[in-house]
Protein backbone atom coordinates (compact mmCIF):
# COMPACT_ATOMS: atom_id res chain seq x y z
CA MET A 1 8.17 15.53 20.46
CA LYS A 2 12.04 16.69 19.71
CA LEU A 3 12.72 13.22 18.61
CA ARG A 4 9.63 13.21 16.34
CA MET A 5 10.48 16.77 14.95
CA LEU A 6 13.98 15.22 13.99
CA VAL A 7 12.38 12.41 12.20
CA VAL A 8 10.41 14.58 10.08
CA TRP A 9 13.39 16.57 9.29
CA MET A 10 15.37 13.45 8.23
CA LEU A 11 12.45 12.54 6.23
CA VAL A 12 12.25 15.77 4.39
CA MET A 13 16.07 16.18 3.75
CA SER A 14 16.19 12.24 2.33
CA GLY A 15 13.54 12.79 0.01
CA SER A 16 11.47 9.78 1.01
CA PHE A 17 8.53 11.50 1.74
CA THR A 18 6.81 14.62 0.34
CA VAL A 19 5.85 16.90 3.60
CA VAL A 20 3.02 19.36 2.61
CA ALA A 21 2.09 22.30 4.70
CA GLY A 22 0.45 21.61 7.99
CA SER A 23 1.58 18.22 8.58
CA ALA A 24 3.08 18.96 11.85
CA ALA A 25 -0.63 19.70 12.99
CA ALA A 26 -1.76 17.57 15.87
CA LEU A 27 -3.16 14.30 15.28
CA GLU A 28 -6.27 12.53 17.32
CA THR A 29 -5.57 9.24 18.43
CA GLU A 30 -8.00 6.70 19.70
CA GLU A 31 -7.67 3.06 20.62
CA LEU A 32 -9.77 0.85 18.75
CA PHE A 33 -8.51 -2.58 19.97
CA PRO A 34 -5.27 -3.17 22.19
CA ARG A 35 -2.51 -2.14 20.21
CA VAL A 36 -4.61 -0.92 17.35
CA GLU A 37 -4.89 2.96 17.09
CA ALA A 38 -6.64 5.15 14.80
CA VAL A 39 -5.20 8.53 13.81
CA THR A 40 -7.40 11.38 12.38
CA PHE A 41 -6.05 14.48 10.91
CA GLU A 42 -6.89 17.34 8.94
CA SER A 43 -5.60 16.05 5.08
CA THR A 44 -3.89 19.21 3.56
CA SER A 45 -3.83 17.65 0.17
CA LEU A 46 -7.52 16.72 0.31
CA LYS A 47 -8.81 19.31 2.42
CA LYS A 48 -10.84 17.39 4.62
CA ARG A 49 -10.65 15.09 8.05
CA LYS A 50 -9.05 11.77 7.34
CA ARG A 51 -8.14 8.72 9.38
CA ALA A 52 -5.64 6.06 9.23
CA VAL A 53 -5.23 2.83 11.67
CA ILE A 54 -1.93 1.62 12.72
CA VAL A 55 -1.33 -1.91 14.27
CA LEU A 56 1.73 -1.82 16.66
CA PRO A 57 4.04 -4.27 17.65
CA GLU A 58 4.10 -5.67 21.40
CA ASN A 59 6.14 -3.39 23.52
CA TRP A 60 6.50 -1.24 20.40
CA ARG A 61 8.03 1.66 22.49
CA SER A 62 11.17 -0.25 23.60
CA ILE A 63 11.85 -1.31 19.76
CA GLU A 64 14.83 0.68 18.66
CA PRO A 65 13.88 2.97 15.36
CA ALA A 66 16.47 1.06 13.62
CA ALA A 67 14.61 -2.26 14.36
CA ARG A 68 11.54 -0.93 13.25
CA ARG A 69 10.02 -2.51 10.13
CA THR A 70 6.74 -1.09 8.64
CA LEU A 71 4.23 -2.38 6.36
CA VAL A 72 1.61 -0.24 4.68
CA ILE A 73 -1.40 -2.07 3.42
CA LEU A 74 -3.93 -0.50 1.01
CA HIS A 75 -7.60 -1.59 0.97
CA GLY A 76 -9.80 -2.44 -1.97
CA ARG A 77 -12.65 -0.56 -3.52
CA GLY A 78 -15.85 -0.23 -1.25
CA ARG A 79 -13.72 -1.10 1.79
CA HIS A 80 -11.98 1.15 4.32
CA GLU A 81 -8.90 1.49 6.89
CA ARG A 82 -10.83 -0.79 9.23
CA SER A 83 -11.59 -3.53 7.08
CA LEU A 84 -8.59 -5.67 8.10
CA VAL A 85 -8.53 -4.96 11.83
CA ASP A 86 -12.43 -5.37 12.07
CA ASP A 87 -11.96 -9.08 10.97
CA LYS A 88 -10.60 -10.96 14.16
CA LEU A 89 -8.48 -13.45 12.79
CA ILE A 90 -6.64 -11.13 10.64
CA ARG A 91 -6.25 -8.62 13.25
CA GLN A 92 -4.47 -11.23 15.44
CA GLN A 93 -2.21 -12.11 12.57
CA LEU A 94 -1.36 -8.32 12.09
CA LEU A 95 -0.77 -8.13 16.05
CA ASP A 96 1.80 -11.11 15.96
CA SER A 97 3.36 -9.97 13.16
CA GLY A 98 6.05 -8.00 14.85
CA LEU A 99 5.45 -5.25 12.25
CA PHE A 100 4.11 -1.45 12.45
CA VAL A 101 1.22 -1.95 9.91
CA ILE A 102 -0.33 1.32 8.60
CA LEU A 103 -3.76 1.25 7.14
CA PRO A 104 -4.71 4.19 5.40
CA ASP A 105 -8.43 5.37 4.21
CA GLY A 106 -8.07 5.72 0.36
CA ASP A 107 -11.83 6.32 -0.19
CA ASP A 108 -12.44 5.27 -4.04
CA GLY A 109 -9.44 7.17 -5.21
CA TRP A 110 -7.37 4.31 -6.63
CA TYR A 111 -4.46 5.98 -4.57
CA LEU A 112 -3.84 8.20 -7.82
CA ASN A 113 -4.14 11.81 -8.61
CA SER A 114 -6.89 12.05 -10.73
CA PRO A 115 -6.73 13.84 -14.00
CA VAL A 116 -10.23 14.89 -14.04
CA ARG A 117 -11.19 15.31 -10.64
CA GLN A 118 -8.45 17.85 -9.79
CA GLN A 119 -9.20 17.92 -6.14
CA ASP A 120 -8.77 14.10 -5.86
CA VAL A 121 -4.99 13.82 -5.31
CA TYR A 122 -5.09 10.40 -3.50
CA GLU A 123 -1.08 9.86 -4.46
CA THR A 124 -0.06 13.10 -2.62
CA TYR A 125 -2.33 12.26 -0.04
CA LEU A 126 -1.06 8.60 0.67
CA GLN A 127 2.33 10.37 0.83
CA GLU A 128 0.87 12.70 3.54
CA VAL A 129 -0.32 9.65 5.45
CA LEU A 130 3.07 8.06 5.39
CA THR A 131 4.78 11.32 6.39
CA LYS A 132 2.43 11.84 9.29
CA MET A 133 2.55 8.15 10.73
CA ALA A 134 6.31 8.00 10.51
CA ASN A 135 6.42 11.30 12.44
CA GLU A 136 3.96 10.00 15.06
CA TYR A 137 5.46 6.54 15.48
CA ASP A 138 9.22 7.41 15.03
CA LEU A 139 9.60 5.26 12.05
CA PRO A 140 12.85 5.72 10.11
CA GLU A 141 12.99 6.27 6.30
CA LYS A 142 15.17 3.51 5.21
CA LYS A 143 13.78 1.50 2.54
CA GLN A 144 15.02 -1.61 4.04
CA GLN A 145 12.51 -0.83 6.80
CA TRP A 146 9.44 -0.41 4.61
CA ALA A 147 7.22 -2.59 2.63
CA ILE A 148 3.86 -2.11 1.07
CA ALA A 149 0.90 -4.29 0.19
CA GLY A 150 -2.81 -3.96 -0.96
CA TRP A 151 -5.85 -5.84 -2.53
CA SER A 152 -7.93 -5.31 -5.43
CA MET A 153 -7.89 -1.49 -5.76
CA GLY A 154 -5.33 -1.50 -3.22
CA GLY A 155 -3.38 -4.06 -5.11
CA TYR A 156 -3.22 -1.78 -8.19
CA GLY A 157 -2.53 1.18 -5.57
CA CYS A 158 0.39 -0.47 -3.89
CA VAL A 159 2.19 -1.37 -7.05
CA ARG A 160 1.61 1.70 -8.95
CA PHE A 161 2.80 3.84 -5.88
CA ALA A 162 5.84 1.74 -5.76
CA GLU A 163 6.59 2.45 -9.51
CA ARG A 164 6.06 6.01 -8.82
CA HIS A 165 8.45 6.01 -6.05
CA PRO A 166 11.13 3.67 -6.99
CA GLY A 167 13.38 2.52 -4.25
CA ARG A 168 11.00 3.48 -1.50
CA PHE A 169 9.90 -0.14 -0.50
CA ALA A 170 12.00 -3.11 -0.14
CA ALA A 171 9.00 -5.41 -0.72
CA VAL A 172 5.56 -5.01 -2.62
CA SER A 173 2.99 -7.35 -2.50
CA SER A 174 -0.38 -7.39 -4.27
CA MET A 175 -3.46 -9.57 -3.66
CA ILE A 176 -6.02 -9.73 -6.53
CA GLY A 177 -4.73 -6.57 -7.51
CA LEU A 178 -5.80 -4.98 -10.91
CA LEU A 179 -2.47 -4.76 -12.59
CA ASP A 180 -3.32 -4.56 -16.20
CA PHE A 181 -5.69 -1.76 -15.83
CA PRO A 182 -7.18 0.67 -16.90
CA ARG A 183 -7.80 -0.73 -20.22
CA ASN A 184 -10.30 -2.76 -22.70
CA GLY A 185 -9.95 -5.76 -24.72
CA LEU A 186 -9.50 -8.32 -21.88
CA PRO A 187 -11.48 -11.48 -22.23
CA THR A 188 -15.07 -11.94 -21.15
CA GLY A 189 -15.16 -12.40 -17.42
CA GLN A 190 -11.69 -11.00 -16.86
CA SER A 191 -12.07 -7.25 -17.12
CA TYR A 192 -13.24 -4.46 -15.06
CA LYS A 193 -15.32 -1.28 -15.96
CA VAL A 194 -12.90 1.64 -15.75
CA PRO A 195 -14.18 4.28 -13.74
CA VAL A 196 -14.00 7.13 -15.97
CA GLU A 197 -14.83 9.68 -13.48
CA ARG A 198 -11.64 8.79 -11.82
CA PHE A 199 -9.55 7.86 -14.70
CA GLY A 200 -11.04 9.89 -17.85
CA ALA A 201 -12.23 8.42 -20.88
CA ASP A 202 -9.13 8.97 -23.01
CA GLU A 203 -7.97 5.29 -23.64
CA VAL A 204 -4.51 6.57 -24.69
CA GLU A 205 -4.20 8.63 -21.34
CA TRP A 206 -5.09 5.25 -19.54
CA ASN A 207 -1.55 3.77 -20.52
CA LYS A 208 -0.11 6.44 -18.00
CA PHE A 209 -1.88 4.91 -15.00
CA ASN A 210 -1.37 1.17 -16.04
CA PRO A 211 1.14 -0.47 -13.56
CA LEU A 212 2.11 -2.88 -16.37
CA ASN A 213 3.71 0.00 -18.37
CA GLN A 214 6.11 1.01 -15.40
CA ALA A 215 6.98 -2.35 -14.08
CA GLU A 216 10.74 -1.89 -14.75
CA LYS A 217 10.44 0.62 -11.76
CA LEU A 218 10.17 -1.92 -9.63
CA ARG A 219 13.27 -3.40 -10.01
CA GLY A 220 15.17 -3.75 -6.78
CA SER A 221 11.96 -4.64 -4.71
CA SER A 222 11.12 -8.35 -3.60
CA LEU A 223 7.81 -8.76 -5.36
CA LEU A 224 4.86 -10.99 -4.57
CA ILE A 225 1.75 -11.14 -6.80
CA ILE A 226 -1.27 -13.08 -5.64
CA THR A 227 -4.48 -13.92 -7.67
CA ALA A 228 -6.96 -16.58 -7.64
CA ASP A 229 -8.32 -19.15 -10.30
CA GLN A 230 -11.58 -17.90 -10.30
CA ALA A 231 -10.82 -14.07 -9.99
CA PHE A 232 -11.59 -11.46 -12.81
CA ASP A 233 -8.20 -9.90 -12.11
CA ARG A 234 -6.33 -13.28 -13.04
CA THR A 235 -5.69 -12.55 -16.64
CA MET A 236 -4.39 -9.18 -15.60
CA ASN A 237 -2.08 -10.62 -12.93
CA GLU A 238 -0.91 -13.25 -15.78
CA HIS A 239 0.01 -10.18 -17.99
CA PHE A 240 1.96 -8.60 -15.15
CA ARG A 241 3.61 -11.89 -14.37
CA ASP A 242 4.64 -12.15 -18.17
CA ARG A 243 5.72 -8.58 -17.97
CA LEU A 244 8.03 -9.29 -15.04
CA THR A 245 9.53 -12.43 -16.47
CA ALA A 246 10.43 -10.56 -19.80
CA LEU A 247 12.17 -7.71 -17.69
CA GLU A 248 13.95 -10.35 -15.54
CA LEU A 249 12.65 -9.13 -12.49
CA PRO A 250 12.50 -11.95 -9.84
CA HIS A 251 9.01 -12.40 -8.33
CA GLN A 252 6.72 -14.91 -6.58
CA TYR A 253 3.50 -15.56 -8.29
CA VAL A 254 0.89 -17.32 -6.46
CA GLU A 255 -2.35 -18.52 -7.71
CA LEU A 256 -5.32 -19.47 -4.77
CA LYS A 257 -8.44 -21.27 -5.17
CA GLY A 258 -11.28 -18.80 -5.30
CA GLY A 259 -12.40 -15.32 -6.60
CA HIS A 260 -12.25 -11.80 -6.46
CA THR A 261 -13.19 -11.93 -2.79
CA PHE A 262 -12.58 -10.83 0.74
CA PRO A 263 -12.03 -14.66 1.72
CA VAL A 264 -9.25 -14.92 -0.94
CA VAL A 265 -7.60 -11.73 0.85
CA ARG A 266 -7.90 -13.30 4.12
CA ALA A 267 -6.27 -16.62 2.67
CA ALA A 268 -3.50 -14.41 0.86
CA LEU A 269 -2.34 -12.22 3.82
CA PRO A 270 -0.30 -14.62 5.76
CA LEU A 271 1.64 -15.12 2.47
CA VAL A 272 2.29 -11.43 2.29
CA LEU A 273 2.98 -11.09 5.96
CA ALA A 274 5.69 -14.13 5.79
CA HIS A 275 7.35 -12.39 2.58
CA THR A 276 7.13 -8.97 4.14
CA GLN A 277 8.90 -10.21 7.68
CA ARG A 278 11.23 -12.30 5.48
CA VAL A 279 12.47 -9.56 3.45
CA LEU A 280 12.58 -6.62 6.23
CA LEU A 281 14.32 -8.99 8.54
CA ARG A 282 16.88 -9.84 5.94
CA LYS A 283 17.31 -6.28 4.97
CA THR A 284 17.55 -4.92 8.59
CA ARG A 285 20.15 -7.64 9.35
CA ASN A 286 22.18 -6.33 6.42
C-alpha cells in the first residue's frame, strides 16, 4: 500500500495524471480469466459505478516498475471493456504481449467532455481510470512506458486524447478510427452521422473536437494509422494521413482488406501490438 501511495504522489507531482477527489477509494477486483482482471470503482467524475479490465503479463509482480510497459486500448461505439478479452484469439495475443493492457469502459461517450451533456465528462473520466489503474498496479508515469490505441470511436478517442495530453504516450495507434470527425461534406458512403446529442449541432464548434485540426500535438509520438479499403472511415484516415505528411510527422499508414468491422480490428491488433512493443521496448532501453 505504501508503494502504491508513493506512485500516486509521483503521478500528481509530475502532472502526468489528473487525480480527482476520492481516487484512493477501495477498488473491487475480479478475475475474469487467468491474468485478466476486472477492476470496479466509483467514478467521481461520472458519479456512477464503472469498470475497467486489465490484462497482466506473466509473473507480473516480479517485473520491476521501471520495466513495466502499458498499452491503453479504447473500444468502439456499441462495444465495452470486455469486447477484446471475450475474444479467445485476441485475449491470447494480449496475454502474450508482455504488456500491461488497460481496457476502460467508455460507454458511448466518445472519450470527450461533451459540450452539451455537462455530466458526461469522459475525457476527465479516462484520466481518472488511468490514475486508478496506475496506482493499483504500480505503473510508473514515464511517457516511454505508455502507449494508447483504439478502434472506431476508440480510434477517434485515442488520437484526440493523445493530442489533448501531448507528450503523454510514446506510441499512438488508431484502427478504423474516425480521424476527420465530426464534420459534414465527406463523399457518399465515407461519412458518419454526427451524434449531436454528444457534440452539439454547431458545425463551427465541431472543429474543436476534430483530431485533424490538432495533429501537430502528436509530434514526438510514434504513430500508426490503420484503415480498410471498404471502410466508411477510409477517406477520413486518408485526410489524417495527408495532414501528418504536411506537418512532416513520421507515421505508418496501413490499409487492410475489409470494412468498418470487428474482423478488421482483429486483423489490425497484431500490428498495433508489434508497433507498441517495438516503440516501448526501444524507449525503455534508452
